[in-house]
Amino acid sequence: MTLKIVIDTDSATAPYEQLRAQVSSQARSGRLPVGHKLPTVRGLAEELGLAANTVAKAYRALESDGVVETRGRNGTFIAAAGDAAARELAAAAQAFAERAQRLGVPQSAALAAAQEAVRAVYTR
């Protein structure tokens, strides 16, 4: 398996976000298996024609999301992110539900607001 990234320079989406989203998608789909070693920041930056800081920013975001893990000088690897992502999603949903209830929002309105937010993000 190899990392396949395409950066659309005409896109309104920042290059680091395009990189983050594509690595995340490939990791979650299994195209990049757990333990797969990603290219170095400099190597990937050179390959994609991006600044090293852009790739480093994407790697930091992926690590924050639990998609990758950095093992010091050994490199950056795809993490067993499914469990971490599911836990983080559940915690975010719990926090949203508790906040909606504190605001006195009916359950149906809270669900509608969540669905609208998800729709808006996923159709960008």
N, C-alpha and C. Protein backbone atom coordinates (compact mmCIF):
# COMPACT_ATOMS: atom_id res chain seq x y z
N MET A 1 0.84 -1.19 0.00
CA MET A 1 0.00 0.00 0.00
C MET A 1 0.88 1.24 0.00
N THR A 2 0.51 2.18 -0.82
CA THR A 2 1.24 3.44 -0.85
C THR A 2 0.27 4.59 -0.64
N LEU A 3 0.82 5.65 -0.10
CA LEU A 3 0.05 6.86 0.12
C LEU A 3 -0.18 7.54 -1.21
N LYS A 4 -1.43 7.83 -1.53
CA LYS A 4 -1.77 8.52 -2.78
C LYS A 4 -2.49 9.81 -2.42
N ILE A 5 -1.81 10.92 -2.64
CA ILE A 5 -2.35 12.23 -2.30
C ILE A 5 -2.34 13.11 -3.54
N VAL A 6 -3.44 13.80 -3.76
CA VAL A 6 -3.54 14.76 -4.85
C VAL A 6 -3.96 16.10 -4.25
N ILE A 7 -3.12 17.10 -4.44
CA ILE A 7 -3.43 18.44 -3.93
C ILE A 7 -3.96 19.28 -5.09
N ASP A 8 -5.17 19.81 -4.92
CA ASP A 8 -5.79 20.66 -5.93
C ASP A 8 -5.45 22.11 -5.60
N THR A 9 -4.53 22.68 -6.33
CA THR A 9 -4.08 24.05 -6.05
C THR A 9 -5.16 25.09 -6.33
N ASP A 10 -6.19 24.72 -7.09
CA ASP A 10 -7.28 25.65 -7.38
C ASP A 10 -8.41 25.57 -6.35
N SER A 11 -8.31 24.63 -5.43
CA SER A 11 -9.37 24.43 -4.44
C SER A 11 -9.35 25.54 -3.39
N ALA A 12 -10.53 25.85 -2.88
CA ALA A 12 -10.65 26.81 -1.78
C ALA A 12 -10.18 26.19 -0.47
N THR A 13 -10.08 24.86 -0.43
CA THR A 13 -9.63 24.16 0.77
C THR A 13 -8.11 24.23 0.84
N ALA A 14 -7.60 24.60 2.01
CA ALA A 14 -6.16 24.74 2.21
C ALA A 14 -5.44 23.42 1.93
N PRO A 15 -4.22 23.49 1.38
CA PRO A 15 -3.48 22.26 1.07
C PRO A 15 -3.29 21.35 2.29
N TYR A 16 -3.01 21.92 3.47
CA TYR A 16 -2.81 21.05 4.63
C TYR A 16 -4.09 20.30 4.96
N GLU A 17 -5.26 20.94 4.77
CA GLU A 17 -6.54 20.29 5.05
C GLU A 17 -6.83 19.22 4.00
N GLN A 18 -6.47 19.46 2.75
CA GLN A 18 -6.63 18.43 1.72
C GLN A 18 -5.79 17.21 2.07
N LEU A 19 -4.56 17.45 2.49
CA LEU A 19 -3.66 16.36 2.88
C LEU A 19 -4.21 15.61 4.08
N ARG A 20 -4.63 16.36 5.11
CA ARG A 20 -5.18 15.74 6.32
C ARG A 20 -6.38 14.87 5.98
N ALA A 21 -7.30 15.42 5.19
CA ALA A 21 -8.53 14.70 4.86
C ALA A 21 -8.24 13.43 4.05
N GLN A 22 -7.31 13.50 3.11
CA GLN A 22 -7.02 12.34 2.28
C GLN A 22 -6.32 11.23 3.07
N VAL A 23 -5.38 11.60 3.93
CA VAL A 23 -4.71 10.58 4.75
C VAL A 23 -5.72 9.96 5.70
N SER A 24 -6.55 10.79 6.32
CA SER A 24 -7.56 10.29 7.24
C SER A 24 -8.52 9.33 6.54
N SER A 25 -8.99 9.71 5.37
CA SER A 25 -9.91 8.86 4.61
C SER A 25 -9.27 7.53 4.24
N GLN A 26 -8.02 7.57 3.78
CA GLN A 26 -7.33 6.34 3.39
C GLN A 26 -7.06 5.44 4.60
N ALA A 27 -6.80 6.05 5.75
CA ALA A 27 -6.56 5.26 6.96
C ALA A 27 -7.86 4.61 7.43
N ARG A 28 -8.94 5.37 7.43
CA ARG A 28 -10.22 4.84 7.91
C ARG A 28 -10.80 3.78 6.98
N SER A 29 -10.50 3.90 5.68
CA SER A 29 -11.00 2.91 4.72
C SER A 29 -10.18 1.63 4.72
N GLY A 30 -9.01 1.68 5.34
CA GLY A 30 -8.13 0.52 5.35
C GLY A 30 -7.14 0.51 4.20
N ARG A 31 -7.25 1.48 3.29
CA ARG A 31 -6.29 1.56 2.19
C ARG A 31 -4.88 1.74 2.74
N LEU A 32 -4.76 2.50 3.83
CA LEU A 32 -3.50 2.60 4.57
C LEU A 32 -3.69 1.83 5.87
N PRO A 33 -3.11 0.66 5.98
CA PRO A 33 -3.35 -0.17 7.15
C PRO A 33 -2.65 0.36 8.41
N VAL A 34 -3.14 -0.06 9.55
CA VAL A 34 -2.52 0.28 10.82
C VAL A 34 -1.05 -0.14 10.76
N GLY A 35 -0.18 0.77 11.19
CA GLY A 35 1.25 0.49 11.19
C GLY A 35 1.97 0.94 9.93
N HIS A 36 1.22 1.36 8.91
CA HIS A 36 1.85 1.83 7.67
C HIS A 36 2.68 3.08 7.97
N LYS A 37 3.93 3.08 7.53
CA LYS A 37 4.80 4.24 7.77
C LYS A 37 4.57 5.29 6.70
N LEU A 38 4.31 6.51 7.15
CA LEU A 38 4.13 7.63 6.23
C LEU A 38 5.49 8.21 5.85
N PRO A 39 5.55 8.88 4.71
CA PRO A 39 6.81 9.53 4.32
C PRO A 39 7.19 10.60 5.35
N THR A 40 8.47 10.95 5.35
CA THR A 40 8.90 12.04 6.22
C THR A 40 8.21 13.33 5.79
N VAL A 41 8.17 14.28 6.69
CA VAL A 41 7.58 15.58 6.38
C VAL A 41 8.27 16.19 5.17
N ARG A 42 9.59 16.22 5.20
CA ARG A 42 10.34 16.82 4.08
C ARG A 42 10.14 16.05 2.79
N GLY A 43 10.15 14.72 2.89
CA GLY A 43 9.98 13.90 1.70
C GLY A 43 8.63 14.10 1.04
N LEU A 44 7.58 14.12 1.85
CA LEU A 44 6.23 14.30 1.31
C LEU A 44 6.06 15.72 0.78
N ALA A 45 6.62 16.69 1.50
CA ALA A 45 6.53 18.08 1.04
C ALA A 45 7.17 18.22 -0.34
N GLU A 46 8.32 17.62 -0.50
CA GLU A 46 9.01 17.68 -1.80
C GLU A 46 8.20 16.98 -2.89
N GLU A 47 7.68 15.81 -2.56
CA GLU A 47 6.88 15.04 -3.52
C GLU A 47 5.64 15.79 -3.97
N LEU A 48 4.99 16.49 -3.04
CA LEU A 48 3.73 17.19 -3.35
C LEU A 48 3.93 18.63 -3.77
N GLY A 49 5.16 19.13 -3.67
CA GLY A 49 5.41 20.53 -4.01
C GLY A 49 4.85 21.49 -2.98
N LEU A 50 4.84 21.06 -1.72
CA LEU A 50 4.33 21.88 -0.62
C LEU A 50 5.47 22.30 0.29
N ALA A 51 5.23 23.29 1.11
CA ALA A 51 6.19 23.67 2.14
C ALA A 51 6.20 22.61 3.23
N ALA A 52 7.35 22.37 3.81
CA ALA A 52 7.46 21.38 4.88
C ALA A 52 6.52 21.73 6.05
N ASN A 53 6.36 23.03 6.33
CA ASN A 53 5.47 23.44 7.42
C ASN A 53 4.02 23.04 7.14
N THR A 54 3.62 23.03 5.87
CA THR A 54 2.26 22.63 5.50
C THR A 54 2.03 21.16 5.81
N VAL A 55 2.99 20.32 5.44
CA VAL A 55 2.89 18.89 5.72
C VAL A 55 2.95 18.65 7.22
N ALA A 56 3.84 19.35 7.91
CA ALA A 56 3.96 19.19 9.36
C ALA A 56 2.65 19.56 10.06
N LYS A 57 1.99 20.60 9.58
CA LYS A 57 0.70 21.02 10.15
C LYS A 57 -0.35 19.92 9.96
N ALA A 58 -0.37 19.32 8.77
CA ALA A 58 -1.32 18.22 8.51
C ALA A 58 -1.00 17.03 9.40
N TYR A 59 0.26 16.68 9.55
CA TYR A 59 0.65 15.55 10.40
C TYR A 59 0.25 15.81 11.86
N ARG A 60 0.44 17.05 12.33
CA ARG A 60 0.04 17.39 13.71
C ARG A 60 -1.46 17.24 13.89
N ALA A 61 -2.24 17.70 12.90
CA ALA A 61 -3.70 17.57 12.98
C ALA A 61 -4.10 16.10 12.96
N LEU A 62 -3.45 15.30 12.13
CA LEU A 62 -3.75 13.86 12.07
C LEU A 62 -3.41 13.18 13.39
N GLU A 63 -2.32 13.61 14.01
CA GLU A 63 -1.95 13.03 15.30
C GLU A 63 -2.96 13.43 16.37
N SER A 64 -3.37 14.68 16.33
CA SER A 64 -4.38 15.16 17.28
C SER A 64 -5.70 14.40 17.12
N ASP A 65 -6.03 14.03 15.87
CA ASP A 65 -7.26 13.28 15.58
C ASP A 65 -7.12 11.79 15.90
N GLY A 66 -5.89 11.34 16.23
CA GLY A 66 -5.69 9.93 16.54
C GLY A 66 -5.52 9.06 15.30
N VAL A 67 -5.33 9.68 14.14
CA VAL A 67 -5.19 8.92 12.90
C VAL A 67 -3.77 8.40 12.74
N VAL A 68 -2.79 9.20 13.16
CA VAL A 68 -1.40 8.77 13.07
C VAL A 68 -0.76 8.89 14.44
N GLU A 69 0.38 8.22 14.57
CA GLU A 69 1.18 8.36 15.78
C GLU A 69 2.63 8.55 15.36
N THR A 70 3.30 9.46 16.05
CA THR A 70 4.70 9.71 15.76
C THR A 70 5.52 8.95 16.78
N ARG A 71 6.49 8.20 16.28
CA ARG A 71 7.36 7.39 17.13
C ARG A 71 8.77 7.94 17.10
N GLY A 72 8.89 9.20 17.48
CA GLY A 72 10.20 9.84 17.53
C GLY A 72 10.92 9.78 16.20
N ARG A 73 12.18 9.39 16.25
CA ARG A 73 13.01 9.33 15.04
C ARG A 73 12.60 8.18 14.12
N ASN A 74 11.77 7.27 14.61
CA ASN A 74 11.34 6.14 13.77
C ASN A 74 10.33 6.55 12.71
N GLY A 75 9.66 7.67 12.91
CA GLY A 75 8.73 8.16 11.89
C GLY A 75 7.30 8.27 12.36
N THR A 76 6.43 8.47 11.38
CA THR A 76 5.00 8.65 11.61
C THR A 76 4.26 7.48 10.98
N PHE A 77 3.35 6.88 11.74
CA PHE A 77 2.67 5.66 11.33
C PHE A 77 1.16 5.81 11.48
N ILE A 78 0.43 5.07 10.65
CA ILE A 78 -1.03 5.03 10.80
C ILE A 78 -1.34 4.33 12.12
N ALA A 79 -2.16 4.96 12.94
CA ALA A 79 -2.52 4.44 14.26
C ALA A 79 -3.79 3.60 14.16
N ALA A 80 -4.04 2.85 15.19
CA ALA A 80 -5.31 2.12 15.30
C ALA A 80 -6.36 3.15 15.69
N ALA A 81 -6.78 3.94 14.70
CA ALA A 81 -7.58 5.13 14.96
C ALA A 81 -9.06 4.86 15.14
N GLY A 82 -9.54 3.73 14.69
CA GLY A 82 -10.97 3.47 14.76
C GLY A 82 -11.52 3.63 16.15
N ASP A 83 -10.87 3.01 17.13
CA ASP A 83 -11.34 3.10 18.50
C ASP A 83 -11.23 4.51 19.04
N ALA A 84 -10.11 5.16 18.77
CA ALA A 84 -9.90 6.52 19.27
C ALA A 84 -10.92 7.48 18.64
N ALA A 85 -11.15 7.33 17.35
CA ALA A 85 -12.11 8.20 16.67
C ALA A 85 -13.51 7.97 17.21
N ALA A 86 -13.87 6.71 17.42
CA ALA A 86 -15.20 6.40 17.95
C ALA A 86 -15.38 6.98 19.35
N ARG A 87 -14.34 6.88 20.18
CA ARG A 87 -14.42 7.44 21.54
C ARG A 87 -14.56 8.96 21.49
N GLU A 88 -13.77 9.59 20.63
CA GLU A 88 -13.84 11.05 20.54
C GLU A 88 -15.18 11.51 20.00
N LEU A 89 -15.71 10.79 19.02
CA LEU A 89 -17.02 11.13 18.46
C LEU A 89 -18.11 10.99 19.52
N ALA A 90 -18.06 9.91 20.29
CA ALA A 90 -19.05 9.70 21.35
C ALA A 90 -18.97 10.80 22.40
N ALA A 91 -17.75 11.21 22.75
CA ALA A 91 -17.59 12.28 23.75
C ALA A 91 -18.13 13.61 23.22
N ALA A 92 -17.87 13.90 21.94
CA ALA A 92 -18.38 15.14 21.35
C ALA A 92 -19.91 15.13 21.30
N ALA A 93 -20.47 13.99 20.93
CA ALA A 93 -21.93 13.87 20.86
C ALA A 93 -22.54 14.03 22.26
N GLN A 94 -21.91 13.43 23.26
CA GLN A 94 -22.39 13.54 24.64
C GLN A 94 -22.36 14.99 25.10
N ALA A 95 -21.26 15.68 24.82
CA ALA A 95 -21.13 17.08 25.23
C ALA A 95 -22.20 17.94 24.53
N PHE A 96 -22.43 17.68 23.24
CA PHE A 96 -23.45 18.42 22.49
C PHE A 96 -24.83 18.18 23.11
N ALA A 97 -25.16 16.92 23.38
CA ALA A 97 -26.48 16.59 23.93
C ALA A 97 -26.69 17.24 25.30
N GLU A 98 -25.66 17.21 26.13
CA GLU A 98 -25.78 17.83 27.45
C GLU A 98 -25.95 19.35 27.35
N ARG A 99 -25.21 19.95 26.42
CA ARG A 99 -25.32 21.41 26.23
C ARG A 99 -26.70 21.77 25.71
N ALA A 100 -27.21 21.02 24.76
CA ALA A 100 -28.55 21.28 24.22
C ALA A 100 -29.60 21.17 25.32
N GLN A 101 -29.46 20.15 26.16
CA GLN A 101 -30.43 19.98 27.25
C GLN A 101 -30.35 21.15 28.23
N ARG A 102 -29.13 21.59 28.58
CA ARG A 102 -28.98 22.74 29.48
C ARG A 102 -29.60 24.01 28.89
N LEU A 103 -29.56 24.13 27.57
CA LEU A 103 -30.15 25.29 26.91
C LEU A 103 -31.66 25.20 26.82
N GLY A 104 -32.21 24.04 27.19
CA GLY A 104 -33.66 23.86 27.14
C GLY A 104 -34.18 23.56 25.75
N VAL A 105 -33.31 23.10 24.87
CA VAL A 105 -33.71 22.79 23.49
C VAL A 105 -34.38 21.42 23.46
N PRO A 106 -35.54 21.30 22.82
CA PRO A 106 -36.19 19.99 22.71
C PRO A 106 -35.29 19.01 21.94
N GLN A 107 -35.44 17.72 22.23
CA GLN A 107 -34.63 16.69 21.59
C GLN A 107 -34.71 16.77 20.06
N SER A 108 -35.91 16.97 19.54
CA SER A 108 -36.06 17.02 18.08
C SER A 108 -35.29 18.18 17.47
N ALA A 109 -35.27 19.32 18.15
CA ALA A 109 -34.54 20.49 17.64
C ALA A 109 -33.02 20.26 17.74
N ALA A 110 -32.59 19.60 18.80
CA ALA A 110 -31.16 19.29 18.95
C ALA A 110 -30.71 18.34 17.84
N LEU A 111 -31.51 17.31 17.57
CA LEU A 111 -31.18 16.37 16.50
C LEU A 111 -31.16 17.07 15.14
N ALA A 112 -32.12 17.96 14.92
CA ALA A 112 -32.16 18.70 13.65
C ALA A 112 -30.93 19.59 13.50
N ALA A 113 -30.53 20.24 14.58
CA ALA A 113 -29.34 21.10 14.53
C ALA A 113 -28.09 20.28 14.25
N ALA A 114 -27.97 19.11 14.87
CA ALA A 114 -26.82 18.24 14.64
C ALA A 114 -26.80 17.75 13.19
N GLN A 115 -27.96 17.34 12.70
CA GLN A 115 -28.02 16.87 11.31
C GLN A 115 -27.65 17.98 10.33
N GLU A 116 -28.12 19.19 10.58
CA GLU A 116 -27.81 20.31 9.70
C GLU A 116 -26.32 20.62 9.72
N ALA A 117 -25.71 20.59 10.90
CA ALA A 117 -24.28 20.85 11.01
C ALA A 117 -23.47 19.79 10.28
N VAL A 118 -23.84 18.54 10.42
CA VAL A 118 -23.15 17.45 9.73
C VAL A 118 -23.33 17.60 8.21
N ARG A 119 -24.56 17.88 7.79
CA ARG A 119 -24.82 18.05 6.35
C ARG A 119 -23.96 19.19 5.79
N ALA A 120 -23.90 20.29 6.51
CA ALA A 120 -23.14 21.46 6.04
C ALA A 120 -21.66 21.13 5.89
N VAL A 121 -21.12 20.42 6.84
CA VAL A 121 -19.69 20.09 6.79
C VAL A 121 -19.39 19.06 5.70
N TYR A 122 -20.21 18.06 5.58
CA TYR A 122 -19.94 16.98 4.63
C TYR A 122 -20.25 17.35 3.17
N THR A 123 -20.95 18.46 2.95
CA THR A 123 -21.25 18.85 1.57
C THR A 123 -20.44 20.06 1.13
N ARG A 124 -19.40 20.40 1.85
CA ARG A 124 -18.55 21.54 1.47
C ARG A 124 -17.85 21.24 0.17
